[in-house]
Protein backbone atom coordinates (compact mmCIF):
# COMPACT_ATOMS: atom_id res chain seq x y z
CA MET A 1 119.11 -47.59 -46.24
CA GLY A 2 120.54 -49.35 -43.40
CA PRO A 3 121.15 -46.11 -41.39
CA VAL A 4 117.61 -45.36 -42.35
CA ARG A 5 116.34 -48.58 -40.96
CA ALA A 6 118.64 -47.88 -37.77
CA LYS A 7 117.31 -44.33 -37.14
CA SER A 8 113.55 -45.54 -37.72
CA SER A 9 114.38 -48.36 -35.05
CA ASP A 10 115.91 -45.65 -32.79
CA SER A 11 112.67 -43.79 -32.91
CA LYS A 12 110.75 -46.66 -32.17
CA GLY A 13 112.81 -47.39 -29.30
CA LYS A 14 112.38 -44.05 -27.88
CA LYS A 15 108.76 -44.32 -28.24
CA SER A 16 108.60 -47.80 -26.47
CA SER A 17 111.00 -46.25 -23.60
CA SER A 18 108.60 -43.63 -23.23
CA LYS A 19 105.64 -46.23 -22.79
CA GLY A 20 107.91 -48.22 -20.51
CA SER A 21 108.35 -45.26 -18.28
CA GLY A 22 104.68 -45.28 -17.56
CA LYS A 23 104.07 -41.83 -18.73
CA LYS A 24 101.48 -41.45 -21.54
CA SER A 25 102.53 -39.15 -24.18
CA PHE A 26 99.11 -37.17 -24.07
CA ASP A 27 99.50 -36.27 -20.50
CA LYS A 28 102.13 -33.57 -21.91
CA LYS A 29 100.29 -30.24 -23.28
CA PRO A 30 101.01 -29.91 -26.78
CA SER A 31 102.98 -26.87 -27.75
CA SER A 32 101.08 -23.98 -29.29
CA LYS A 33 103.08 -24.46 -32.59
CA ALA A 34 102.20 -27.96 -32.89
CA THR A 35 98.69 -27.20 -32.56
CA LYS A 36 98.88 -24.43 -35.12
CA THR A 37 100.71 -26.57 -37.90
CA SER A 38 98.36 -29.67 -37.25
CA LYS A 39 96.69 -30.85 -40.37
CA PRO A 40 92.73 -31.18 -40.16
CA TYR A 41 93.13 -34.74 -41.38
CA ALA A 42 95.67 -35.72 -39.03
CA LYS A 43 95.01 -37.71 -35.81
CA PRO A 44 93.14 -35.68 -33.26
CA THR A 45 95.95 -35.83 -30.62
CA THR A 46 94.42 -32.73 -28.92
CA LYS A 47 91.04 -34.26 -27.84
CA VAL A 48 91.39 -35.47 -24.51
CA THR A 49 89.02 -37.33 -22.08
CA THR A 50 90.21 -36.38 -18.68
CA ALA A 51 87.80 -34.71 -16.06
CA GLU A 52 90.10 -31.41 -15.93
CA ALA A 53 89.99 -31.20 -19.81
CA LYS A 54 86.22 -31.77 -19.76
CA LYS A 55 85.53 -29.10 -17.10
CA ALA A 56 87.50 -26.55 -19.18
CA GLU A 57 85.49 -27.17 -22.17
CA ALA A 58 82.44 -26.82 -20.24
CA LYS A 59 83.45 -23.48 -18.70
CA LYS A 60 84.04 -22.17 -22.35
CA ALA A 61 80.69 -23.05 -23.22
CA GLU A 62 78.97 -21.60 -20.20
CA PRO A 63 77.10 -18.28 -21.07
CA VAL A 64 78.44 -15.00 -20.10
CA GLY A 65 75.96 -13.12 -17.53
CA SER A 66 74.18 -13.59 -14.14
CA ARG A 67 71.66 -16.78 -13.90
CA ALA A 68 68.51 -14.42 -14.30
CA GLN A 69 70.09 -13.09 -17.45
CA GLN A 70 70.83 -16.51 -18.87
CA GLN A 71 67.21 -17.60 -17.98
CA LYS A 72 65.78 -14.43 -19.78
CA LYS A 73 67.65 -15.15 -22.95
CA GLN A 74 66.84 -18.78 -22.76
CA ARG A 75 63.09 -17.71 -22.66
CA SER A 76 63.47 -15.23 -25.62
CA ASP A 77 65.17 -17.82 -27.71
CA ARG A 78 62.16 -20.27 -26.83
CA GLN A 79 59.66 -17.47 -27.66
CA GLN A 80 61.40 -16.63 -30.98
CA GLN A 81 61.27 -20.21 -32.21
CA SER A 82 57.66 -20.80 -31.11
CA SER A 83 54.62 -19.81 -33.14
CA GLY A 84 53.96 -16.25 -33.05
CA GLY A 85 57.12 -15.69 -31.16
CA ASP A 86 58.14 -12.33 -32.64
CA LEU A 87 54.54 -11.12 -31.78
CA LYS A 88 54.73 -12.37 -28.11
CA ILE A 89 58.03 -10.35 -27.53
CA GLU A 90 56.50 -6.99 -29.19
CA ALA A 91 53.55 -7.39 -26.93
CA ARG A 92 55.51 -8.11 -23.94
CA LYS A 93 57.15 -4.71 -24.66
CA LEU A 94 54.17 -2.75 -25.15
CA TRP A 95 52.37 -4.52 -21.94
CA GLU A 96 55.49 -3.26 -19.86
CA GLN A 97 54.69 0.55 -20.85
CA LEU A 98 50.87 -0.20 -20.74
CA ARG A 99 50.49 -1.75 -17.21
CA ARG A 100 52.10 1.47 -15.53
CA GLY A 101 49.85 3.21 -13.15
CA ASP A 102 51.23 6.46 -13.92
CA LEU A 103 50.90 6.44 -17.61
CA ASP A 104 49.30 9.80 -19.11
CA ALA A 105 45.81 9.06 -20.71
CA ASP A 106 46.87 10.05 -24.22
CA VAL A 107 50.04 7.93 -24.04
CA ARG A 108 47.86 4.87 -22.68
CA ARG A 109 45.44 5.42 -25.76
CA THR A 110 48.38 5.42 -28.07
CA HIS A 111 49.96 2.20 -26.59
CA MET A 112 46.48 0.42 -26.61
CA ALA A 113 45.93 1.45 -30.04
CA ALA A 114 49.31 -0.15 -31.09
CA MET A 115 48.76 -3.10 -28.99
CA MET A 116 45.37 -3.81 -30.55
CA GLU A 117 47.03 -3.62 -34.06
CA LEU A 118 49.55 -5.99 -32.93
CA ILE A 119 47.33 -8.83 -31.41
CA GLY A 120 44.27 -8.26 -33.26
CA GLY A 121 42.89 -11.40 -35.07
CA ARG A 122 45.20 -13.66 -32.78
CA ILE A 123 43.73 -13.15 -29.33
CA LYS A 124 42.22 -16.43 -28.99
CA GLU A 125 45.53 -18.39 -29.69
CA ILE A 126 47.68 -16.39 -27.23
CA THR A 127 45.41 -16.27 -24.14
CA LEU A 128 45.90 -19.75 -22.67
CA LYS A 129 49.61 -18.68 -21.98
CA HIS A 130 50.69 -17.03 -18.82
CA ASP A 131 52.53 -14.10 -20.17
CA MET A 132 50.09 -13.25 -22.85
CA SER A 133 47.10 -13.93 -20.56
CA ARG A 134 48.58 -10.98 -18.51
CA VAL A 135 48.83 -8.98 -21.75
CA VAL A 136 45.25 -9.33 -22.69
CA GLN A 137 43.80 -8.62 -19.28
CA THR A 138 45.56 -5.66 -19.17
CA CYS A 139 44.07 -4.55 -22.45
CA ILE A 140 40.65 -5.23 -21.06
CA LYS A 141 41.40 -3.06 -18.03
CA HIS A 142 42.59 -0.12 -20.05
CA GLY A 143 41.05 -0.38 -23.32
CA SER A 144 37.95 1.65 -24.58
CA ALA A 145 34.55 0.01 -24.97
CA GLU A 146 35.05 -0.61 -28.52
CA GLN A 147 38.53 -2.25 -27.88
CA ARG A 148 36.79 -4.42 -25.03
CA ALA A 149 34.32 -5.46 -27.63
CA VAL A 150 36.73 -6.56 -30.35
CA ILE A 151 38.62 -8.86 -27.49
CA SER A 152 35.02 -10.30 -26.33
CA GLY A 153 34.01 -11.08 -29.90
CA GLU A 154 37.42 -12.71 -30.85
CA LEU A 155 36.97 -14.91 -27.76
CA ALA A 156 33.19 -15.85 -28.26
CA GLY A 157 32.79 -19.60 -28.21
CA ALA A 158 35.72 -20.25 -26.12
CA GLU A 159 34.29 -19.49 -22.80
CA ILE A 160 34.26 -23.13 -21.46
CA GLU A 161 37.93 -23.47 -22.65
CA LEU A 162 38.86 -20.23 -20.89
CA ALA A 163 37.02 -21.08 -17.64
CA LYS A 164 39.01 -24.38 -17.41
CA SER A 165 42.35 -22.86 -18.06
CA MET A 166 44.53 -21.66 -14.97
CA TYR A 167 45.36 -18.32 -16.95
CA GLY A 168 42.32 -18.06 -19.15
CA ARG A 169 39.84 -17.73 -16.23
CA HIS A 170 41.40 -14.56 -15.40
CA ILE A 171 40.28 -12.97 -18.68
CA LEU A 172 36.68 -14.18 -18.25
CA LEU A 173 36.70 -12.41 -14.98
CA ARG A 174 38.06 -9.13 -16.31
CA LEU A 175 35.46 -9.48 -19.01
CA LEU A 176 32.71 -10.00 -16.60
CA LYS A 177 34.04 -7.03 -14.59
CA HIS A 178 34.89 -4.45 -17.37
CA CYS A 179 32.58 -5.40 -20.31
CA PRO A 180 28.99 -5.41 -19.34
CA ALA A 181 27.84 -6.35 -22.78
CA ALA A 182 29.63 -9.47 -22.51
CA ARG A 183 28.11 -10.69 -19.11
CA ALA A 184 24.96 -12.20 -20.95
CA ARG A 185 26.69 -14.14 -23.63
CA ILE A 186 29.23 -15.57 -20.92
CA ILE A 187 26.63 -16.64 -18.60
CA ALA A 188 24.68 -18.33 -21.54
CA ALA A 189 27.71 -20.01 -22.39
CA LEU A 190 28.10 -21.37 -19.05
CA SER A 191 24.83 -22.46 -18.44
CA GLY A 192 24.33 -26.49 -19.15
CA HIS A 193 27.87 -27.03 -17.85
CA VAL A 194 27.69 -25.88 -14.30
CA ARG A 195 27.41 -29.23 -12.83
CA ARG A 196 30.58 -30.45 -14.20
CA LEU A 197 32.43 -26.77 -14.18
CA VAL A 198 31.68 -26.38 -10.40
CA ARG A 199 33.86 -29.13 -9.70
CA HIS A 200 36.88 -27.93 -11.67
CA LYS A 201 39.26 -26.10 -9.28
CA ASP A 202 39.57 -23.00 -12.16
CA ALA A 203 36.12 -22.80 -13.41
CA ALA A 204 34.36 -23.02 -10.31
CA ALA A 205 35.48 -19.35 -9.55
CA VAL A 206 34.10 -18.07 -12.93
CA VAL A 207 30.66 -19.64 -12.34
CA ASP A 208 30.65 -18.47 -8.66
CA GLU A 209 31.54 -15.01 -10.02
CA CYS A 210 28.73 -15.14 -12.79
CA TYR A 211 26.10 -16.27 -10.15
CA SER A 212 27.03 -14.46 -7.01
CA VAL A 213 27.63 -11.07 -8.59
CA TYR A 214 26.56 -10.30 -12.22
CA ALA A 215 23.70 -12.77 -12.96
CA ASN A 216 20.07 -11.60 -12.56
CA ALA A 217 17.25 -13.97 -11.12
CA ALA A 218 16.64 -15.54 -14.50
CA GLN A 219 20.28 -15.90 -15.30
CA ARG A 220 21.00 -17.37 -11.98
CA TRP A 221 18.17 -19.92 -12.36
CA ALA A 222 19.58 -20.58 -15.85
CA LEU A 223 22.70 -21.65 -14.14
CA ALA A 224 21.32 -23.70 -11.70
CA ALA A 225 18.40 -25.28 -13.23
CA GLU A 226 20.58 -28.36 -14.48
CA PHE A 227 20.89 -29.42 -10.72
CA TYR A 228 17.06 -30.18 -10.55
CA GLY A 229 16.68 -32.33 -13.47
CA GLY A 230 16.31 -32.26 -17.15
CA GLU A 231 12.67 -31.17 -17.14
CA CYS A 232 13.45 -28.00 -15.07
CA ALA A 233 16.29 -27.37 -17.20
CA VAL A 234 14.33 -26.66 -20.32
CA MET A 235 11.55 -24.76 -18.70
CA GLY A 236 10.63 -21.26 -20.08
CA ALA A 237 12.56 -18.12 -19.73
CA HIS A 238 9.46 -16.89 -17.11
CA VAL A 239 10.51 -19.40 -14.63
CA THR A 240 13.00 -18.05 -12.09
CA SER A 241 12.88 -20.62 -9.05
CA VAL A 242 11.89 -24.39 -8.41
CA ASP A 243 9.09 -22.95 -6.53
CA ALA A 244 7.55 -21.70 -9.76
CA ILE A 245 7.69 -24.87 -11.13
CA LEU A 246 6.21 -26.82 -8.36
CA ALA A 247 3.42 -24.37 -7.83
CA GLU A 248 2.42 -25.23 -11.59
CA SER A 249 3.26 -28.96 -11.30
CA PRO A 250 3.30 -30.13 -7.64
CA GLN A 251 3.64 -33.78 -8.92
CA ARG A 252 7.12 -32.94 -10.01
CA ARG A 253 8.26 -32.43 -6.44
CA ALA A 254 9.50 -36.13 -5.93
CA GLY A 255 11.55 -35.93 -9.39
CA VAL A 256 12.77 -32.77 -8.38
CA VAL A 257 14.18 -33.86 -4.84
CA ALA A 258 15.78 -37.04 -6.50
CA ALA A 259 17.61 -34.90 -8.96
CA LEU A 260 18.69 -32.64 -6.39
CA LYS A 261 19.73 -35.74 -4.21
CA ALA A 262 22.13 -36.76 -7.45
CA SER A 263 23.49 -33.51 -8.18
CA ALA A 264 24.46 -32.74 -4.39
CA ALA A 265 25.89 -36.17 -3.53
CA PRO A 266 29.25 -35.77 -5.40
CA LEU A 267 29.27 -32.12 -4.21
CA LEU A 268 28.99 -33.26 -0.81
CA GLU A 269 31.42 -36.12 -0.99
CA LYS A 270 34.48 -34.04 -2.02
CA GLY A 271 33.31 -30.94 0.12
CA THR A 272 32.66 -28.81 -3.06
CA VAL A 273 30.16 -26.41 -0.87
CA GLN A 274 32.04 -22.95 -1.33
CA HIS A 275 29.96 -21.61 -4.02
CA GLY A 276 26.81 -19.66 -4.25
CA VAL A 277 25.12 -22.00 -6.85
CA VAL A 278 25.71 -24.98 -4.67
CA HIS A 279 24.49 -23.06 -1.72
CA ARG A 280 21.11 -22.59 -3.48
CA VAL A 281 21.00 -26.42 -4.49
CA LEU A 282 21.68 -27.60 -0.90
CA LEU A 283 19.09 -25.09 0.45
CA ASP A 284 16.40 -26.47 -1.82
CA LEU A 285 17.42 -30.02 -0.85
CA VAL A 286 17.05 -29.49 2.76
CA ARG A 287 13.89 -27.20 2.42
CA LEU A 288 12.00 -29.51 -0.23
CA SER A 289 12.86 -33.17 0.94
CA ASP A 290 11.69 -34.73 4.26
CA GLY A 291 12.23 -37.92 6.34
CA ALA A 292 15.38 -39.81 5.54
CA ASP A 293 16.43 -37.71 2.60
CA ARG A 294 16.75 -34.53 4.91
CA ARG A 295 18.26 -36.20 7.74
CA ALA A 296 20.89 -37.50 5.49
CA ALA A 297 21.39 -34.11 4.04
CA ILE A 298 21.71 -32.78 7.15
CA GLU A 299 24.23 -35.16 8.67
CA ALA A 300 26.42 -34.66 5.43
CA LEU A 301 26.77 -30.99 6.40
CA HIS A 302 27.74 -31.41 10.00
CA THR A 303 31.31 -30.13 9.30
CA LEU A 304 30.54 -28.44 5.61
CA ALA A 305 27.67 -25.94 6.99
CA VAL A 306 30.33 -23.72 8.28
CA GLU A 307 31.80 -22.99 4.91
CA MET A 308 28.45 -21.92 3.36
CA VAL A 309 27.32 -19.25 5.77
CA HIS A 310 28.77 -16.26 3.96
CA THR A 311 25.89 -16.39 1.43
CA ARG A 312 22.26 -15.54 1.97
CA ASP A 313 21.20 -19.13 0.51
CA GLY A 314 24.17 -20.93 2.49
CA ALA A 315 23.27 -18.94 5.89
CA HIS A 316 19.34 -19.93 5.28
CA CYS A 317 20.44 -23.69 4.61
CA ALA A 318 22.45 -23.75 7.81
CA MET A 319 19.72 -22.19 9.79
CA LEU A 320 17.32 -24.93 8.41
CA CYS A 321 19.73 -27.56 9.36
CA LEU A 322 19.64 -26.21 13.11
CA LEU A 323 15.97 -26.11 12.94
CA HIS A 324 15.13 -29.59 11.57
CA GLY A 325 18.10 -31.40 12.88
CA SER A 326 18.02 -33.89 16.03
CA PRO A 327 20.07 -32.58 19.27
CA LYS A 328 22.67 -34.72 17.99
CA ASP A 329 22.64 -32.62 14.49
CA ARG A 330 22.41 -29.24 16.45
CA LYS A 331 25.37 -30.05 19.01
CA ALA A 332 27.63 -31.06 15.97
CA LEU A 333 26.62 -28.08 14.23
CA VAL A 334 27.29 -25.52 17.10
CA ARG A 335 30.94 -27.14 17.83
CA SER A 336 31.75 -26.51 14.09
CA PHE A 337 30.77 -23.13 14.43
CA ARG A 338 32.80 -22.44 17.60
CA PRO A 339 36.36 -21.81 15.85
CA PHE A 340 34.87 -19.10 13.44
CA VAL A 341 32.41 -17.24 16.00
CA ARG A 342 34.23 -13.96 15.42
CA LYS A 343 34.34 -14.10 11.74
CA MET A 344 30.49 -15.44 11.51
CA ALA A 345 29.59 -12.62 13.81
CA LEU A 346 30.74 -9.74 11.80
CA ASP A 347 29.62 -11.56 8.52
CA GLU A 348 26.55 -10.06 7.12
CA HIS A 349 24.89 -13.21 6.52
CA ALA A 350 26.67 -15.68 8.88
CA HIS A 351 25.67 -14.01 12.00
CA ALA A 352 22.03 -15.00 11.28
CA VAL A 353 22.96 -18.52 11.79
CA LEU A 354 24.45 -17.85 15.25
CA ILE A 355 21.21 -16.09 15.93
CA GLY A 356 19.30 -19.22 14.69
CA ALA A 357 21.60 -21.41 16.67
CA LEU A 358 20.57 -19.34 20.16
CA ASP A 359 16.83 -19.40 18.98
CA CYS A 360 16.50 -23.38 18.59
CA VAL A 361 19.09 -25.43 20.43
CA ASP A 362 17.84 -26.78 23.63
CA ASP A 363 21.22 -27.42 25.33
CA THR A 364 21.52 -23.75 26.49
CA VAL A 365 24.56 -24.64 28.81
CA LEU A 366 26.59 -25.93 25.45
CA VAL A 367 25.47 -22.75 23.43
CA ALA A 368 26.65 -20.51 26.81
CA LYS A 369 29.92 -22.03 26.99
CA THR A 370 30.89 -22.20 23.21
CA LEU A 371 28.94 -19.39 21.29
CA LEU A 372 27.94 -16.92 23.86
CA ALA A 373 31.12 -17.16 25.95
CA ASP A 374 33.45 -16.49 22.68
CA ALA A 375 31.31 -13.82 21.58
CA ALA A 376 31.20 -12.04 25.04
CA ALA A 377 34.81 -12.09 25.11
CA LEU A 378 35.14 -10.36 21.75
CA ALA A 379 32.45 -7.55 22.91
CA ASP A 380 34.85 -4.76 22.00
CA ASP A 381 35.04 -6.02 18.62
CA LEU A 382 31.36 -7.02 18.05
CA LEU A 383 29.44 -4.43 19.80
CA PRO A 384 30.68 -1.61 17.70
CA ASP A 385 29.80 -3.61 14.36
CA THR A 386 26.59 -3.49 12.50
CA HIS A 387 26.32 -7.28 12.32
CA GLY A 388 28.19 -8.43 15.42
CA ARG A 389 26.08 -6.60 17.82
CA ARG A 390 23.02 -8.63 16.85
CA VAL A 391 24.43 -11.72 18.20
CA LEU A 392 24.87 -10.50 21.79
CA LEU A 393 21.81 -8.50 21.83
CA TYR A 394 19.59 -11.19 20.87
CA ALA A 395 20.55 -12.93 24.05
CA LEU A 396 19.03 -9.95 25.88
CA ALA A 397 16.51 -8.73 23.65
CA GLY A 398 15.03 -11.94 21.67
CA ARG A 399 13.55 -11.10 18.48
CA SER A 400 13.69 -7.83 18.46
CA PRO A 401 13.27 -6.13 15.05
CA HIS A 402 15.94 -3.50 16.02
CA TYR A 403 18.71 -6.26 15.98
CA VAL A 404 17.30 -9.06 13.93
CA GLY A 405 17.25 -8.54 10.18
CA GLN A 406 14.06 -8.93 8.37
CA ASP A 407 15.42 -12.03 6.53
CA ALA A 408 16.63 -13.77 9.53
CA LEU A 409 13.35 -12.88 11.51
CA ALA A 410 11.28 -14.30 8.58
CA VAL A 411 13.06 -17.47 8.69
CA LEU A 412 12.74 -17.73 12.65
CA ARG A 413 9.10 -17.12 12.61
CA ALA A 414 8.26 -19.44 9.68
CA GLY A 415 10.16 -22.30 11.57
CA ASP A 416 8.20 -21.73 14.96
CA ALA A 417 6.07 -24.77 14.08
CA VAL A 418 9.19 -26.79 13.33
CA ARG A 419 10.81 -25.79 16.48
CA ALA A 420 7.58 -26.53 18.69
CA ALA A 421 7.98 -30.15 17.47
CA THR A 422 11.67 -30.50 17.28
CA SER A 423 12.67 -28.74 20.83
CA LYS A 424 11.47 -29.65 24.19
CA LYS A 425 12.37 -26.44 25.87
CA ASP A 426 9.65 -23.63 26.21
CA PRO A 427 10.98 -20.33 24.31
CA ALA A 428 10.67 -18.19 27.31
CA THR A 429 12.91 -20.51 29.68
CA ARG A 430 15.37 -20.64 26.64
CA ARG A 431 15.32 -16.83 26.41
CA ARG A 432 16.11 -16.41 30.27
CA GLU A 433 18.85 -18.91 30.31
CA LEU A 434 20.64 -17.21 27.57
CA ALA A 435 19.95 -13.76 28.81
CA ALA A 436 21.39 -15.35 32.36
CA ALA A 437 24.71 -16.49 30.45
CA ALA A 438 25.16 -13.06 28.29
CA GLY A 439 24.27 -10.61 31.06
CA PRO A 440 27.32 -10.61 33.39
CA PRO A 441 30.00 -10.34 30.71
CA LEU A 442 28.11 -7.58 28.92
CA VAL A 443 27.34 -5.53 32.29
CA ALA A 444 31.09 -5.65 33.23
CA TRP A 445 31.58 -4.53 29.50
CA ALA A 446 29.36 -1.72 30.37
CA GLU A 447 30.81 -0.61 33.55
CA ARG A 448 34.27 -0.41 31.59
CA HIS A 449 33.02 1.53 28.59
CA ALA A 450 29.42 3.14 29.46
CA ALA A 451 30.72 6.70 29.88
CA ALA A 452 32.13 6.62 26.46
CA ALA A 453 29.93 4.21 24.68
CA VAL A 454 26.79 6.13 25.11
CA PHE A 455 27.89 8.74 22.81
CA GLU A 456 28.27 6.25 20.00
CA PRO A 457 25.68 5.05 17.74
CA LEU A 458 25.91 1.20 17.86
CA PRO A 459 27.55 0.82 21.26
CA SER A 460 24.97 3.07 22.91
CA GLN A 461 22.50 0.57 21.84
CA ALA A 462 24.29 -2.28 23.80
CA VAL A 463 24.74 -0.12 26.80
CA ALA A 464 20.78 0.65 26.76
CA GLU A 465 19.66 -2.86 26.23
CA THR A 466 22.27 -4.10 29.01
CA LEU A 467 20.84 -1.62 31.68
CA VAL A 468 17.31 -2.39 30.95
CA ARG A 469 17.48 -6.06 30.08
CA ALA A 470 20.12 -7.91 31.78
CA PRO A 471 19.15 -10.20 34.58
CA CYS A 472 21.72 -9.11 37.10
CA ASP A 473 22.94 -6.49 39.34
CA LYS A 474 24.10 -3.65 37.12
CA ARG A 475 24.25 -0.58 39.67
CA ARG A 476 27.86 0.17 38.85
CA ALA A 477 27.08 0.31 35.20
CA TRP A 478 24.07 2.44 35.64
CA ASP A 479 26.20 4.70 37.87
CA ALA A 480 28.81 5.22 35.12
CA VAL A 481 25.88 6.87 32.90
CA LEU A 482 24.01 8.52 35.82
CA GLY A 483 27.39 10.41 36.69
CA LEU A 484 27.25 12.24 33.42
CA VAL A 485 23.74 13.49 34.00
CA SER A 486 24.21 15.89 36.64
CA HIS A 487 27.26 17.89 34.48
CA ASP A 488 26.39 21.32 33.49
CA ILE A 489 24.00 21.56 30.49
CA SER A 490 25.85 22.29 27.49
CA PRO A 491 25.42 21.10 23.81
CA GLY A 492 27.24 18.04 24.29
CA HIS A 493 25.62 16.89 27.33
CA VAL A 494 24.30 13.38 27.87
CA LEU A 495 20.64 14.62 27.77
CA LEU A 496 21.12 16.58 24.67
CA HIS A 497 23.48 14.60 22.53
CA PRO A 498 21.43 12.90 19.81
CA VAL A 499 22.77 9.38 20.34
CA ALA A 500 23.13 9.37 24.29
CA ASN A 501 19.80 10.97 25.52
CA ARG A 502 18.37 7.88 23.87
CA VAL A 503 20.15 5.60 26.46
CA VAL A 504 18.91 7.73 29.28
CA ALA A 505 15.20 8.04 28.01
CA THR A 506 15.19 4.35 27.12
CA CYS A 507 16.31 3.54 30.59
CA ILE A 508 13.31 6.14 32.10
CA LEU A 509 10.76 4.67 30.12
CA ALA A 510 11.60 0.83 30.59
CA GLY A 511 8.50 -0.91 31.38
CA HIS A 512 6.28 2.10 31.04
CA ALA A 513 6.41 2.73 27.23
CA PRO A 514 3.55 0.75 25.10
CA VAL A 515 4.94 -2.20 23.36
CA ARG A 516 4.81 -2.09 19.42
CA ALA A 517 3.14 -4.75 17.50
CA ALA A 518 6.43 -5.32 15.68
CA ALA A 519 8.23 -5.61 18.67
CA ALA A 520 6.08 -8.37 20.34
CA ASP A 521 8.68 -11.07 20.16
CA ALA A 522 11.21 -8.89 22.00
CA ALA A 523 12.34 -9.72 25.65
CA PRO A 524 10.65 -7.70 28.25
CA PRO A 525 12.63 -5.63 30.79
CA PHE A 526 14.30 -6.98 33.79
CA GLU A 527 12.02 -6.81 36.82
CA GLY A 528 14.96 -5.87 39.38
CA ASN A 529 16.12 -2.92 37.43
CA PRO A 530 17.57 0.30 39.45
CA PRO A 531 14.93 3.04 39.62
CA PHE A 532 16.13 4.87 36.57
CA ALA A 533 13.47 7.60 36.38
CA ALA A 534 13.91 8.21 40.22
CA ASP A 535 17.76 8.30 39.94
CA VAL A 536 17.86 10.50 36.77
CA LEU A 537 15.44 13.04 38.56
CA ALA A 538 17.06 13.11 41.90
CA ALA A 539 20.63 13.75 39.77
CA LEU A 540 19.07 16.74 37.81
CA ALA A 541 17.13 18.21 41.11
CA GLU A 542 20.28 18.06 43.23
CA SER A 543 22.68 19.72 40.34
CA GLY A 544 20.15 22.18 39.68
CA GLN A 545 19.99 21.27 36.03
CA LEU A 546 16.39 20.26 35.59
CA LEU A 547 15.09 23.57 34.34
CA PRO A 548 18.26 24.32 31.92
CA ALA A 549 17.61 20.65 30.59
CA ALA A 550 13.99 21.29 30.12
CA ALA A 551 14.83 24.71 28.43
CA ALA A 552 17.22 23.16 26.15
CA GLY A 553 14.55 20.45 24.96
CA ALA A 554 16.01 17.40 26.45
CA PHE A 555 14.08 14.38 25.38
CA PRO A 556 14.86 12.65 28.94
CA VAL A 557 12.82 15.40 30.74
CA ARG A 558 9.97 14.88 28.80
CA ALA A 559 10.34 11.22 29.62
CA LEU A 560 10.35 12.01 33.19
CA LEU A 561 6.69 13.73 32.86
CA GLU A 562 5.37 10.50 31.25
CA VAL A 563 6.41 8.23 33.84
CA PRO A 564 4.02 7.82 36.59
CA ALA A 565 6.73 7.25 39.00
CA THR A 566 8.32 10.75 38.48
CA ALA A 567 5.60 12.79 36.62
CA ASP A 568 4.20 14.44 39.61
CA ARG A 569 7.50 15.34 41.28
CA THR A 570 8.91 16.63 37.78
CA ARG A 571 5.83 18.80 37.32
CA GLU A 572 6.02 20.36 40.75
CA LEU A 573 9.61 21.56 40.07
CA LEU A 574 8.89 22.84 36.67
CA ALA A 575 5.60 24.32 37.45
CA PRO A 576 6.98 27.95 38.50
CA HIS A 577 9.05 28.37 35.24
CA VAL A 578 6.19 27.44 32.75
CA ALA A 579 6.24 31.04 31.34
CA ALA A 580 10.00 30.86 30.89
CA LEU A 581 9.73 27.56 28.95
CA GLU A 582 6.81 28.95 26.78
CA ALA A 583 9.34 31.51 25.49
CA LYS A 584 11.59 28.80 24.54
CA ALA A 585 8.84 26.63 23.06
CA ALA A 586 8.34 28.68 19.48
CA GLY A 587 11.43 27.01 17.88
CA ASN A 588 11.69 23.63 19.77
CA ALA A 589 9.08 20.85 19.68
CA THR A 590 10.24 19.15 22.49
CA VAL A 591 10.27 22.06 24.92
CA ALA A 592 6.66 22.47 23.41
CA ALA A 593 5.79 19.02 24.17
CA ILE A 594 7.16 19.64 27.92
CA VAL A 595 5.04 22.75 28.25
CA ALA A 596 2.00 20.96 27.15
CA LEU A 597 2.46 18.24 29.85
CA LEU A 598 2.90 20.73 32.56
CA LYS A 599 -0.51 22.42 31.68
């Protein structure tokens, strides 16, 4: 036993000597043989705590593949573990095929049938997720009427929840677009909740789409009625506006205005004025209120009105703010419009707001330096545009029905009494000052572009109005047009072109044609114009093109016979050729009219 103890003592000594050397036993890697023969119940000598060993273990645990592949696998694992995970995975696979734009119609129908069989009965529970919302949207887009009706039916009753969902709102928008049968139900579901929904960032888009695009007059009133008070909200279906209510019960006006103020206050405070239903509320608030209430509403809209002008009601509201506002209000509104002159001038409704500013603001210097100067600098973009040209041409032609739309003209005329009370400047003086500011840049534009613009429908109107009404020297601009008159008569000649001949005829008849009742508000021609008729007659006589122009049925030749300044000389030059012209009169009404004037 002694040797045994000595052996044991030696082994202990060896262990102690290893400790004394400062080298720990676990710093040495165990041999593979020792690892294989280690017992499961033995002390875990292979577990280490050093940083290198932990890094090695973490590296072994890392998944194989790129980061995107790892994330895809993690998403797939999460979906499988979630409720309906298998359904979502299968639906996404089908969706990848169904959404392709080059898919054959028969194949698409097959995929749609498989998709509806897969998600049918569970549509409501999957619509609020991002990926499945896209799936349902695609089904609505590509499905048949019956399949859309199934989807719509399953979502019935969840309209408010969907409208307030970041992803669900897109499903409602798709149903509004592709499923007409669901529109009335969606609008009815939203009615009564609009005051709350219009302040919600996601639901507001659905409300605005319903109101501005798909609702009829009765449905629009149903969406807006709660803003006017509880009594208005429960009126019968025959009511479509607050005016109908006040016509029946004028005593309700004070209550309606109070309700409008209470409804509009949080919207104005937070600047939530981008939506059509809000524009209607603010329009009626400005229109129906008076005194301090109206002044407070206008003051609150100083910087917000520019965000409303893209709709009919919003533009009308902004025009009333200009009309009823004080000089300080008008100045603030005009300055808020300046950064957006181009966008407003080209807009279907907003251009009327710029016209309203030109029509009622007394500070024409401010208007000329801000609105008119910026608009004139954009003449190349505005004058060929249906709406853009109206802003610049109003400065020359005034309330001409050719350039001011009927809706805007009605608002301007209805506000004449208010303008007389709120504006100190005479309308004729304001018109002259605006024309003086807009004339020179428009004449400069005409000098550069008249030779080509007279042949274009909209720019030609700008050329004609500039030549007739601009209160400045326009000799060079007129010479650019007159140079085209002496060319040889051909089908594309300026006197025969269906657009260009109107420019020449308008200049000839300026100041001589009778004023129509509809154009009574239009500005008169400038008194210092060049002798348009005499210049045209001289150019035709010198080039020998008067007779060919008359024989071709040029309307400006008829105009020369109607203007007193040139009628006798034109008749004298054409009288020897009456017989030749009569031969041409059979198939041309203008030639026949020329012959009648000669006789």
